[in-house]
Amino acid sequence: MKKEHALLFIAIAFVAGIVVGVIAAVTYEDHTPITPAALRPLPSSPSPAAPSADWQRQIESLQSILKDDPKNVNALVQLGNAYFDTDQFDRAIEAYSKALKVDPKNVDVRTDMGIMYRRKGNFDRAIAEFKKAAEDDPRHVNSRYNLGIVFLHDKGDLKGAIKAWEDYLKLNHTGPQAENIRNQMVKMRDMVK
């Protein structure tokens, strides 16, 4: 009987340890320091897989619309988004570029195109697109957020990331994302000193 109690106690202790570990990890996940290793560029994305049949049908439908109306901004943006969602970076950039020729001040499209450049590994072009979006719409928070991401993770430029995120926080100073950015900036400022 003692052996059964001992095994039960071990099993309960094991499960309790897992639960405490998970709770600790979730509670303290935003409090990990940024280290120079965390500033290395993200690994390049694998080559995109062929889109699913549903995506392919959507893409073909949009291409058909664009054959008849090549300047249909809505279809160009949707096509870019379909390529974005299926990791077809070059095709997304091409569709977004065409949309921007028709509607050059569309900051959401420009920001999505910047994200595609980042995922391709062209960080300088991504930065240029995010800066242009922020210039075209001084209240556009998503471009500033992504600008900080590229500066921090891809360029290892803490000062650039801090500046981008300071601008972000001027526009969006509440909410969980703003709080997370503030916490990251404290750590980044300590590293810059």
N, C-alpha and C. Protein backbone atom coordinates (compact mmCIF):
# COMPACT_ATOMS: atom_id res chain seq x y z
N MET A 1 0.81 -1.19 0.00
CA MET A 1 0.00 0.00 0.00
C MET A 1 0.86 1.27 0.00
N LYS A 2 1.99 1.23 0.71
CA LYS A 2 2.86 2.39 0.76
C LYS A 2 3.42 2.73 -0.62
N LYS A 3 3.73 1.71 -1.41
CA LYS A 3 4.28 1.92 -2.74
C LYS A 3 3.25 2.63 -3.62
N GLU A 4 1.98 2.27 -3.52
CA GLU A 4 0.92 2.90 -4.29
C GLU A 4 0.78 4.38 -3.91
N HIS A 5 0.88 4.66 -2.60
CA HIS A 5 0.79 6.04 -2.13
C HIS A 5 1.97 6.86 -2.64
N ALA A 6 3.14 6.26 -2.62
CA ALA A 6 4.34 6.95 -3.09
C ALA A 6 4.22 7.28 -4.58
N LEU A 7 3.74 6.33 -5.39
CA LEU A 7 3.57 6.57 -6.82
C LEU A 7 2.51 7.63 -7.07
N LEU A 8 1.44 7.62 -6.30
CA LEU A 8 0.39 8.63 -6.43
C LEU A 8 0.96 10.00 -6.08
N PHE A 9 1.74 10.08 -5.01
CA PHE A 9 2.35 11.34 -4.59
C PHE A 9 3.29 11.87 -5.69
N ILE A 10 4.08 10.99 -6.27
CA ILE A 10 5.00 11.38 -7.35
C ILE A 10 4.23 11.90 -8.55
N ALA A 11 3.15 11.21 -8.90
CA ALA A 11 2.33 11.64 -10.05
C ALA A 11 1.71 13.01 -9.79
N ILE A 12 1.19 13.22 -8.58
CA ILE A 12 0.58 14.51 -8.24
C ILE A 12 1.65 15.61 -8.26
N ALA A 13 2.81 15.34 -7.71
CA ALA A 13 3.89 16.32 -7.70
C ALA A 13 4.34 16.66 -9.12
N PHE A 14 4.41 15.67 -9.98
CA PHE A 14 4.80 15.88 -11.37
C PHE A 14 3.80 16.81 -12.07
N VAL A 15 2.51 16.52 -11.94
CA VAL A 15 1.47 17.34 -12.57
C VAL A 15 1.48 18.75 -11.99
N ALA A 16 1.63 18.86 -10.66
CA ALA A 16 1.68 20.18 -10.02
C ALA A 16 2.87 20.98 -10.55
N GLY A 17 4.00 20.32 -10.75
CA GLY A 17 5.19 20.99 -11.28
C GLY A 17 4.95 21.54 -12.68
N ILE A 18 4.28 20.77 -13.49
CA ILE A 18 3.97 21.22 -14.85
C ILE A 18 3.05 22.43 -14.80
N VAL A 19 2.01 22.37 -13.98
CA VAL A 19 1.06 23.47 -13.86
C VAL A 19 1.77 24.74 -13.38
N VAL A 20 2.61 24.62 -12.35
CA VAL A 20 3.34 25.78 -11.83
C VAL A 20 4.27 26.33 -12.90
N GLY A 21 4.93 25.46 -13.65
CA GLY A 21 5.82 25.90 -14.72
C GLY A 21 5.10 26.66 -15.81
N VAL A 22 3.94 26.17 -16.21
CA VAL A 22 3.15 26.85 -17.24
C VAL A 22 2.68 28.21 -16.73
N ILE A 23 2.18 28.25 -15.51
CA ILE A 23 1.72 29.53 -14.94
C ILE A 23 2.88 30.51 -14.87
N ALA A 24 4.03 30.07 -14.43
CA ALA A 24 5.19 30.95 -14.34
C ALA A 24 5.61 31.45 -15.71
N ALA A 25 5.60 30.57 -16.69
CA ALA A 25 6.00 30.97 -18.04
C ALA A 25 5.05 32.01 -18.61
N VAL A 26 3.76 31.82 -18.42
CA VAL A 26 2.77 32.77 -18.94
C VAL A 26 2.86 34.09 -18.18
N THR A 27 3.02 34.02 -16.88
CA THR A 27 3.08 35.23 -16.06
C THR A 27 4.30 36.07 -16.37
N TYR A 28 5.44 35.45 -16.58
CA TYR A 28 6.68 36.19 -16.74
C TYR A 28 7.17 36.27 -18.18
N GLU A 29 6.36 35.91 -19.16
CA GLU A 29 6.85 35.86 -20.52
C GLU A 29 7.23 37.23 -21.06
N ASP A 30 6.59 38.30 -20.67
CA ASP A 30 6.92 39.61 -21.18
C ASP A 30 8.06 40.27 -20.42
N HIS A 31 8.60 39.60 -19.42
CA HIS A 31 9.63 40.20 -18.60
C HIS A 31 11.02 39.66 -18.91
N THR A 32 11.16 38.95 -20.01
CA THR A 32 12.48 38.44 -20.37
C THR A 32 13.28 39.58 -21.00
N PRO A 33 14.54 39.68 -20.66
CA PRO A 33 15.34 40.78 -21.20
C PRO A 33 15.64 40.56 -22.68
N ILE A 34 15.83 41.65 -23.37
CA ILE A 34 16.27 41.59 -24.76
C ILE A 34 17.79 41.44 -24.71
N THR A 35 18.30 40.46 -25.38
CA THR A 35 19.74 40.23 -25.44
C THR A 35 20.21 40.47 -26.85
N PRO A 36 21.50 40.69 -27.04
CA PRO A 36 21.99 40.87 -28.41
C PRO A 36 21.61 39.70 -29.32
N ALA A 37 21.54 38.50 -28.78
CA ALA A 37 21.15 37.36 -29.61
C ALA A 37 19.73 37.51 -30.11
N ALA A 38 18.88 38.19 -29.33
CA ALA A 38 17.49 38.39 -29.75
C ALA A 38 17.40 39.39 -30.89
N LEU A 39 18.47 40.11 -31.16
CA LEU A 39 18.46 41.12 -32.21
C LEU A 39 18.88 40.58 -33.56
N ARG A 40 19.30 39.31 -33.61
CA ARG A 40 19.68 38.73 -34.89
C ARG A 40 18.49 38.68 -35.81
N PRO A 41 18.72 38.79 -37.13
CA PRO A 41 17.61 38.71 -38.07
C PRO A 41 16.90 37.37 -37.96
N LEU A 42 15.62 37.41 -38.27
CA LEU A 42 14.84 36.19 -38.28
C LEU A 42 15.34 35.29 -39.40
N PRO A 43 15.25 33.99 -39.24
CA PRO A 43 15.67 33.12 -40.33
C PRO A 43 14.79 33.36 -41.55
N SER A 44 15.38 33.20 -42.73
CA SER A 44 14.58 33.43 -43.92
C SER A 44 13.46 32.42 -44.01
N SER A 45 12.38 32.90 -44.56
CA SER A 45 11.21 32.05 -44.69
C SER A 45 11.47 30.98 -45.74
N PRO A 46 10.89 29.81 -45.54
CA PRO A 46 11.05 28.79 -46.57
C PRO A 46 10.35 29.23 -47.85
N SER A 47 10.74 28.62 -48.95
CA SER A 47 10.08 28.98 -50.19
C SER A 47 8.60 28.65 -50.08
N PRO A 48 7.77 29.53 -50.65
CA PRO A 48 6.34 29.35 -50.50
C PRO A 48 5.84 28.07 -51.15
N ALA A 49 4.87 27.47 -50.50
CA ALA A 49 4.23 26.28 -51.05
C ALA A 49 3.15 26.72 -52.03
N ALA A 50 2.73 25.82 -52.85
CA ALA A 50 1.66 26.13 -53.79
C ALA A 50 0.39 26.44 -52.99
N PRO A 51 -0.36 27.45 -53.42
CA PRO A 51 -1.58 27.78 -52.69
C PRO A 51 -2.60 26.65 -52.80
N SER A 52 -3.45 26.56 -51.80
CA SER A 52 -4.50 25.54 -51.81
C SER A 52 -5.45 25.81 -52.97
N ALA A 53 -6.31 24.84 -53.24
CA ALA A 53 -7.27 24.98 -54.34
C ALA A 53 -8.18 26.17 -54.13
N ASP A 54 -8.59 26.42 -52.88
CA ASP A 54 -9.45 27.58 -52.59
C ASP A 54 -8.74 28.89 -52.90
N TRP A 55 -7.48 28.98 -52.46
CA TRP A 55 -6.71 30.19 -52.74
C TRP A 55 -6.50 30.34 -54.24
N GLN A 56 -6.19 29.23 -54.90
CA GLN A 56 -5.94 29.29 -56.33
C GLN A 56 -7.18 29.77 -57.09
N ARG A 57 -8.36 29.30 -56.67
CA ARG A 57 -9.61 29.76 -57.31
C ARG A 57 -9.80 31.26 -57.09
N GLN A 58 -9.53 31.71 -55.86
CA GLN A 58 -9.67 33.14 -55.58
C GLN A 58 -8.70 33.95 -56.42
N ILE A 59 -7.47 33.50 -56.50
CA ILE A 59 -6.45 34.21 -57.29
C ILE A 59 -6.86 34.26 -58.76
N GLU A 60 -7.31 33.14 -59.30
CA GLU A 60 -7.74 33.10 -60.70
C GLU A 60 -8.93 34.02 -60.95
N SER A 61 -9.86 34.05 -60.01
CA SER A 61 -11.02 34.93 -60.14
C SER A 61 -10.59 36.40 -60.18
N LEU A 62 -9.67 36.77 -59.31
CA LEU A 62 -9.18 38.15 -59.27
C LEU A 62 -8.38 38.48 -60.53
N GLN A 63 -7.60 37.54 -61.01
CA GLN A 63 -6.85 37.77 -62.24
C GLN A 63 -7.79 37.97 -63.43
N SER A 64 -8.89 37.24 -63.42
CA SER A 64 -9.90 37.39 -64.47
C SER A 64 -10.51 38.80 -64.43
N ILE A 65 -10.83 39.27 -63.26
CA ILE A 65 -11.37 40.63 -63.12
C ILE A 65 -10.36 41.65 -63.63
N LEU A 66 -9.10 41.43 -63.32
CA LEU A 66 -8.06 42.38 -63.70
C LEU A 66 -7.74 42.35 -65.19
N LYS A 67 -8.06 41.26 -65.87
CA LYS A 67 -7.89 41.23 -67.33
C LYS A 67 -8.81 42.25 -67.99
N ASP A 68 -10.02 42.35 -67.45
CA ASP A 68 -11.00 43.29 -68.00
C ASP A 68 -10.82 44.70 -67.45
N ASP A 69 -10.30 44.81 -66.24
CA ASP A 69 -10.17 46.10 -65.58
C ASP A 69 -8.84 46.14 -64.80
N PRO A 70 -7.72 46.34 -65.51
CA PRO A 70 -6.40 46.24 -64.87
C PRO A 70 -6.13 47.28 -63.78
N LYS A 71 -6.94 48.32 -63.70
CA LYS A 71 -6.74 49.34 -62.68
C LYS A 71 -7.77 49.24 -61.56
N ASN A 72 -8.40 48.10 -61.43
CA ASN A 72 -9.38 47.87 -60.37
C ASN A 72 -8.61 47.73 -59.05
N VAL A 73 -8.59 48.81 -58.28
CA VAL A 73 -7.79 48.85 -57.05
C VAL A 73 -8.23 47.77 -56.08
N ASN A 74 -9.51 47.60 -55.92
CA ASN A 74 -10.01 46.59 -54.98
C ASN A 74 -9.52 45.20 -55.36
N ALA A 75 -9.60 44.85 -56.64
CA ALA A 75 -9.14 43.53 -57.09
C ALA A 75 -7.62 43.41 -56.93
N LEU A 76 -6.88 44.48 -57.21
CA LEU A 76 -5.42 44.45 -57.05
C LEU A 76 -5.03 44.23 -55.59
N VAL A 77 -5.72 44.93 -54.70
CA VAL A 77 -5.43 44.78 -53.27
C VAL A 77 -5.79 43.37 -52.80
N GLN A 78 -6.96 42.89 -53.20
CA GLN A 78 -7.36 41.52 -52.82
C GLN A 78 -6.39 40.49 -53.38
N LEU A 79 -5.91 40.70 -54.61
CA LEU A 79 -4.93 39.79 -55.20
C LEU A 79 -3.63 39.84 -54.40
N GLY A 80 -3.19 41.04 -54.07
CA GLY A 80 -1.99 41.17 -53.23
C GLY A 80 -2.17 40.48 -51.90
N ASN A 81 -3.35 40.63 -51.30
CA ASN A 81 -3.61 39.98 -50.02
C ASN A 81 -3.62 38.45 -50.14
N ALA A 82 -4.15 37.95 -51.25
CA ALA A 82 -4.16 36.50 -51.46
C ALA A 82 -2.73 35.98 -51.60
N TYR A 83 -1.91 36.71 -52.34
CA TYR A 83 -0.50 36.32 -52.46
C TYR A 83 0.22 36.46 -51.12
N PHE A 84 -0.11 37.51 -50.36
CA PHE A 84 0.45 37.73 -49.04
C PHE A 84 0.15 36.51 -48.15
N ASP A 85 -1.12 36.10 -48.14
CA ASP A 85 -1.55 35.01 -47.27
C ASP A 85 -1.01 33.65 -47.70
N THR A 86 -0.55 33.55 -48.94
CA THR A 86 0.01 32.28 -49.42
C THR A 86 1.53 32.37 -49.58
N ASP A 87 2.12 33.39 -48.95
CA ASP A 87 3.59 33.56 -48.93
C ASP A 87 4.21 33.67 -50.32
N GLN A 88 3.51 34.28 -51.23
CA GLN A 88 4.07 34.54 -52.55
C GLN A 88 4.53 36.00 -52.59
N PHE A 89 5.69 36.23 -52.01
CA PHE A 89 6.18 37.58 -51.75
C PHE A 89 6.26 38.44 -53.01
N ASP A 90 6.93 37.94 -54.04
CA ASP A 90 7.12 38.74 -55.25
C ASP A 90 5.80 39.08 -55.92
N ARG A 91 4.91 38.13 -55.97
CA ARG A 91 3.61 38.38 -56.60
C ARG A 91 2.77 39.36 -55.77
N ALA A 92 2.85 39.26 -54.46
CA ALA A 92 2.15 40.21 -53.60
C ALA A 92 2.69 41.62 -53.83
N ILE A 93 4.00 41.73 -53.87
CA ILE A 93 4.63 43.04 -54.10
C ILE A 93 4.20 43.60 -55.45
N GLU A 94 4.16 42.76 -56.46
CA GLU A 94 3.75 43.20 -57.80
C GLU A 94 2.31 43.72 -57.77
N ALA A 95 1.41 42.97 -57.15
CA ALA A 95 0.00 43.39 -57.09
C ALA A 95 -0.14 44.68 -56.27
N TYR A 96 0.55 44.74 -55.13
CA TYR A 96 0.49 45.96 -54.31
C TYR A 96 1.07 47.16 -55.06
N SER A 97 2.16 46.95 -55.80
CA SER A 97 2.76 48.05 -56.57
C SER A 97 1.79 48.59 -57.59
N LYS A 98 1.08 47.70 -58.27
CA LYS A 98 0.08 48.14 -59.25
C LYS A 98 -1.06 48.90 -58.56
N ALA A 99 -1.48 48.43 -57.40
CA ALA A 99 -2.54 49.13 -56.65
C ALA A 99 -2.07 50.52 -56.25
N LEU A 100 -0.80 50.62 -55.85
CA LEU A 100 -0.27 51.92 -55.42
C LEU A 100 -0.08 52.89 -56.59
N LYS A 101 0.07 52.37 -57.80
CA LYS A 101 0.13 53.26 -58.96
C LYS A 101 -1.22 53.95 -59.17
N VAL A 102 -2.30 53.24 -58.85
CA VAL A 102 -3.65 53.80 -58.99
C VAL A 102 -4.02 54.63 -57.75
N ASP A 103 -3.61 54.17 -56.59
CA ASP A 103 -3.95 54.81 -55.32
C ASP A 103 -2.69 54.94 -54.47
N PRO A 104 -1.82 55.91 -54.80
CA PRO A 104 -0.50 55.98 -54.17
C PRO A 104 -0.51 56.31 -52.68
N LYS A 105 -1.59 56.79 -52.15
CA LYS A 105 -1.65 57.17 -50.73
C LYS A 105 -2.29 56.09 -49.86
N ASN A 106 -2.47 54.88 -50.38
CA ASN A 106 -3.08 53.80 -49.61
C ASN A 106 -2.02 53.22 -48.66
N VAL A 107 -2.02 53.73 -47.44
CA VAL A 107 -0.97 53.38 -46.49
C VAL A 107 -1.06 51.94 -45.99
N ASP A 108 -2.26 51.38 -45.97
CA ASP A 108 -2.39 49.98 -45.56
C ASP A 108 -1.74 49.06 -46.59
N VAL A 109 -1.96 49.35 -47.86
CA VAL A 109 -1.34 48.55 -48.93
C VAL A 109 0.18 48.73 -48.89
N ARG A 110 0.62 49.96 -48.70
CA ARG A 110 2.07 50.22 -48.65
C ARG A 110 2.69 49.48 -47.47
N THR A 111 2.00 49.45 -46.34
CA THR A 111 2.52 48.74 -45.17
C THR A 111 2.56 47.24 -45.42
N ASP A 112 1.52 46.70 -46.04
CA ASP A 112 1.53 45.27 -46.37
C ASP A 112 2.67 44.96 -47.34
N MET A 113 2.92 45.86 -48.28
CA MET A 113 4.02 45.65 -49.21
C MET A 113 5.35 45.68 -48.45
N GLY A 114 5.47 46.57 -47.47
CA GLY A 114 6.67 46.61 -46.64
C GLY A 114 6.88 45.31 -45.89
N ILE A 115 5.79 44.73 -45.40
CA ILE A 115 5.88 43.44 -44.71
C ILE A 115 6.39 42.36 -45.67
N MET A 116 5.92 42.40 -46.91
CA MET A 116 6.39 41.42 -47.90
C MET A 116 7.88 41.60 -48.18
N TYR A 117 8.33 42.86 -48.27
CA TYR A 117 9.77 43.09 -48.47
C TYR A 117 10.56 42.56 -47.28
N ARG A 118 10.03 42.76 -46.08
CA ARG A 118 10.72 42.24 -44.89
C ARG A 118 10.82 40.72 -44.97
N ARG A 119 9.72 40.07 -45.32
CA ARG A 119 9.73 38.61 -45.35
C ARG A 119 10.65 38.08 -46.45
N LYS A 120 10.88 38.89 -47.48
CA LYS A 120 11.84 38.51 -48.52
C LYS A 120 13.28 38.73 -48.06
N GLY A 121 13.45 39.48 -46.97
CA GLY A 121 14.79 39.78 -46.49
C GLY A 121 15.32 41.11 -46.98
N ASN A 122 14.49 41.90 -47.67
CA ASN A 122 14.90 43.21 -48.16
C ASN A 122 14.48 44.25 -47.11
N PHE A 123 15.27 44.34 -46.04
CA PHE A 123 14.90 45.14 -44.88
C PHE A 123 14.94 46.64 -45.17
N ASP A 124 15.89 47.07 -45.98
CA ASP A 124 15.97 48.50 -46.30
C ASP A 124 14.74 48.96 -47.09
N ARG A 125 14.30 48.14 -48.01
CA ARG A 125 13.10 48.50 -48.77
C ARG A 125 11.86 48.47 -47.87
N ALA A 126 11.80 47.52 -46.94
CA ALA A 126 10.69 47.47 -46.00
C ALA A 126 10.65 48.75 -45.18
N ILE A 127 11.81 49.19 -44.69
CA ILE A 127 11.89 50.43 -43.92
C ILE A 127 11.40 51.60 -44.75
N ALA A 128 11.84 51.67 -46.01
CA ALA A 128 11.43 52.77 -46.89
C ALA A 128 9.91 52.79 -47.06
N GLU A 129 9.30 51.61 -47.23
CA GLU A 129 7.84 51.55 -47.41
C GLU A 129 7.11 51.97 -46.13
N PHE A 130 7.59 51.52 -44.98
CA PHE A 130 6.95 51.90 -43.72
C PHE A 130 7.08 53.41 -43.48
N LYS A 131 8.25 53.97 -43.78
CA LYS A 131 8.44 55.41 -43.61
C LYS A 131 7.54 56.20 -44.55
N LYS A 132 7.40 55.73 -45.78
CA LYS A 132 6.53 56.41 -46.75
C LYS A 132 5.08 56.36 -46.28
N ALA A 133 4.64 55.22 -45.77
CA ALA A 133 3.28 55.10 -45.25
C ALA A 133 3.06 56.07 -44.09
N ALA A 134 4.03 56.15 -43.19
CA ALA A 134 3.91 57.07 -42.04
C ALA A 134 3.91 58.52 -42.50
N GLU A 135 4.67 58.80 -43.54
CA GLU A 135 4.71 60.16 -44.09
C GLU A 135 3.37 60.50 -44.75
N ASP A 136 2.81 59.55 -45.49
CA ASP A 136 1.54 59.79 -46.17
C ASP A 136 0.37 59.92 -45.19
N ASP A 137 0.44 59.21 -44.07
CA ASP A 137 -0.60 59.30 -43.05
C ASP A 137 0.06 59.40 -41.68
N PRO A 138 0.25 60.61 -41.18
CA PRO A 138 0.94 60.79 -39.90
C PRO A 138 0.26 60.11 -38.71
N ARG A 139 -0.95 59.61 -38.88
CA ARG A 139 -1.67 58.94 -37.79
C ARG A 139 -1.69 57.42 -37.96
N HIS A 140 -0.94 56.91 -38.91
CA HIS A 140 -0.95 55.47 -39.21
C HIS A 140 -0.03 54.74 -38.24
N VAL A 141 -0.61 53.98 -37.32
CA VAL A 141 0.18 53.32 -36.28
C VAL A 141 0.85 52.04 -36.76
N ASN A 142 0.21 51.31 -37.65
CA ASN A 142 0.74 50.01 -38.08
C ASN A 142 2.09 50.16 -38.79
N SER A 143 2.25 51.21 -39.57
CA SER A 143 3.54 51.42 -40.25
C SER A 143 4.64 51.68 -39.23
N ARG A 144 4.33 52.43 -38.18
CA ARG A 144 5.33 52.72 -37.15
C ARG A 144 5.67 51.47 -36.34
N TYR A 145 4.66 50.67 -36.05
CA TYR A 145 4.91 49.43 -35.32
C TYR A 145 5.85 48.53 -36.12
N ASN A 146 5.55 48.33 -37.40
CA ASN A 146 6.37 47.47 -38.24
C ASN A 146 7.76 48.05 -38.47
N LEU A 147 7.86 49.36 -38.52
CA LEU A 147 9.17 50.00 -38.65
C LEU A 147 10.04 49.64 -37.44
N GLY A 148 9.45 49.70 -36.25
CA GLY A 148 10.19 49.32 -35.05
C GLY A 148 10.62 47.87 -35.06
N ILE A 149 9.74 47.00 -35.56
CA ILE A 149 10.06 45.57 -35.65
C ILE A 149 11.29 45.34 -36.54
N VAL A 150 11.30 45.97 -37.70
CA VAL A 150 12.43 45.77 -38.63
C VAL A 150 13.72 46.34 -38.04
N PHE A 151 13.62 47.54 -37.47
CA PHE A 151 14.82 48.11 -36.86
C PHE A 151 15.35 47.20 -35.76
N LEU A 152 14.47 46.70 -34.91
CA LEU A 152 14.91 45.88 -33.78
C LEU A 152 15.41 44.51 -34.22
N HIS A 153 14.56 43.77 -34.89
CA HIS A 153 14.86 42.36 -35.16
C HIS A 153 15.74 42.13 -36.38
N ASP A 154 15.63 42.99 -37.38
CA ASP A 154 16.34 42.72 -38.63
C ASP A 154 17.60 43.56 -38.81
N LYS A 155 17.55 44.79 -38.33
CA LYS A 155 18.70 45.68 -38.50
C LYS A 155 19.55 45.77 -37.23
N GLY A 156 19.00 45.35 -36.08
CA GLY A 156 19.74 45.47 -34.83
C GLY A 156 19.97 46.92 -34.43
N ASP A 157 19.08 47.80 -34.86
CA ASP A 157 19.19 49.24 -34.62
C ASP A 157 18.25 49.62 -33.48
N LEU A 158 18.77 49.57 -32.26
CA LEU A 158 17.93 49.86 -31.09
C LEU A 158 17.42 51.30 -31.11
N LYS A 159 18.28 52.25 -31.47
CA LYS A 159 17.86 53.65 -31.49
C LYS A 159 16.74 53.87 -32.52
N GLY A 160 16.87 53.24 -33.68
CA GLY A 160 15.83 53.36 -34.70
C GLY A 160 14.51 52.75 -34.23
N ALA A 161 14.60 51.60 -33.56
CA ALA A 161 13.39 50.95 -33.04
C ALA A 161 12.74 51.80 -31.96
N ILE A 162 13.55 52.35 -31.08
CA ILE A 162 13.01 53.20 -30.01
C ILE A 162 12.29 54.40 -30.61
N LYS A 163 12.91 55.05 -31.58
CA LYS A 163 12.29 56.23 -32.22
C LYS A 163 10.97 55.85 -32.89
N ALA A 164 10.96 54.75 -33.63
CA ALA A 164 9.73 54.32 -34.31
C ALA A 164 8.63 54.04 -33.29
N TRP A 165 9.01 53.39 -32.21
CA TRP A 165 8.00 53.03 -31.21
C TRP A 165 7.60 54.22 -30.35
N GLU A 166 8.46 55.21 -30.18
CA GLU A 166 8.04 56.44 -29.52
C GLU A 166 6.95 57.11 -30.34
N ASP A 167 7.15 57.15 -31.66
CA ASP A 167 6.14 57.72 -32.55
C ASP A 167 4.84 56.90 -32.49
N TYR A 168 4.98 55.59 -32.43
CA TYR A 168 3.80 54.71 -32.30
C TYR A 168 3.03 55.06 -31.03
N LEU A 169 3.74 55.19 -29.91
CA LEU A 169 3.09 55.44 -28.62
C LEU A 169 2.45 56.82 -28.54
N LYS A 170 2.93 57.77 -29.32
CA LYS A 170 2.28 59.08 -29.38
C LYS A 170 0.87 58.95 -29.97
N LEU A 171 0.72 57.99 -30.86
CA LEU A 171 -0.57 57.79 -31.53
C LEU A 171 -1.45 56.75 -30.84
N ASN A 172 -0.83 55.76 -30.24
CA ASN A 172 -1.56 54.66 -29.62
C ASN A 172 -0.90 54.34 -28.28
N HIS A 173 -1.31 55.05 -27.24
CA HIS A 173 -0.61 54.94 -25.96
C HIS A 173 -1.31 54.03 -24.96
N THR A 174 -2.40 53.39 -25.34
CA THR A 174 -3.09 52.49 -24.42
C THR A 174 -3.23 51.10 -25.05
N GLY A 175 -3.52 50.16 -24.22
CA GLY A 175 -3.76 48.80 -24.69
C GLY A 175 -2.57 47.90 -24.46
N PRO A 176 -2.79 46.60 -24.64
CA PRO A 176 -1.73 45.63 -24.35
C PRO A 176 -0.52 45.78 -25.26
N GLN A 177 -0.72 46.10 -26.53
CA GLN A 177 0.43 46.23 -27.43
C GLN A 177 1.27 47.45 -27.03
N ALA A 178 0.62 48.54 -26.66
CA ALA A 178 1.36 49.72 -26.22
C ALA A 178 2.15 49.42 -24.95
N GLU A 179 1.54 48.69 -24.04
CA GLU A 179 2.22 48.34 -22.79
C GLU A 179 3.43 47.44 -23.07
N ASN A 180 3.25 46.48 -23.97
CA ASN A 180 4.36 45.59 -24.35
C ASN A 180 5.50 46.39 -24.98
N ILE A 181 5.16 47.32 -25.84
CA ILE A 181 6.19 48.16 -26.48
C ILE A 181 6.92 48.98 -25.43
N ARG A 182 6.18 49.57 -24.48
CA ARG A 182 6.83 50.34 -23.42
C ARG A 182 7.82 49.47 -22.63
N ASN A 183 7.40 48.26 -22.30
CA ASN A 183 8.28 47.35 -21.56
C ASN A 183 9.53 47.02 -22.38
N GLN A 184 9.37 46.76 -23.66
CA GLN A 184 10.52 46.47 -24.51
C GLN A 184 11.45 47.67 -24.62
N MET A 185 10.84 48.87 -24.70
CA MET A 185 11.66 50.08 -24.83
C MET A 185 12.51 50.32 -23.58
N VAL A 186 11.99 50.01 -22.41
CA VAL A 186 12.78 50.15 -21.18
C VAL A 186 14.03 49.28 -21.28
N LYS A 187 13.86 48.05 -21.71
CA LYS A 187 15.00 47.13 -21.84
C LYS A 187 15.96 47.61 -22.92
N MET A 188 15.39 48.10 -24.03
CA MET A 188 16.23 48.58 -25.13
C MET A 188 17.04 49.80 -24.71
N ARG A 189 16.41 50.71 -23.97
CA ARG A 189 17.14 51.91 -23.53
C ARG A 189 18.28 51.53 -22.60
N ASP A 190 18.06 50.52 -21.76
CA ASP A 190 19.15 50.05 -20.88
C ASP A 190 20.32 49.51 -21.70
N MET A 191 20.02 48.88 -22.82
CA MET A 191 21.08 48.31 -23.66
C MET A 191 21.83 49.40 -24.43
N VAL A 192 21.14 50.50 -24.75
CA VAL A 192 21.75 51.58 -25.52
C VAL A 192 22.72 52.37 -24.65
N LYS A 193 22.46 52.43 -23.34
CA LYS A 193 23.32 53.22 -22.42
C LYS A 193 24.74 52.73 -22.42
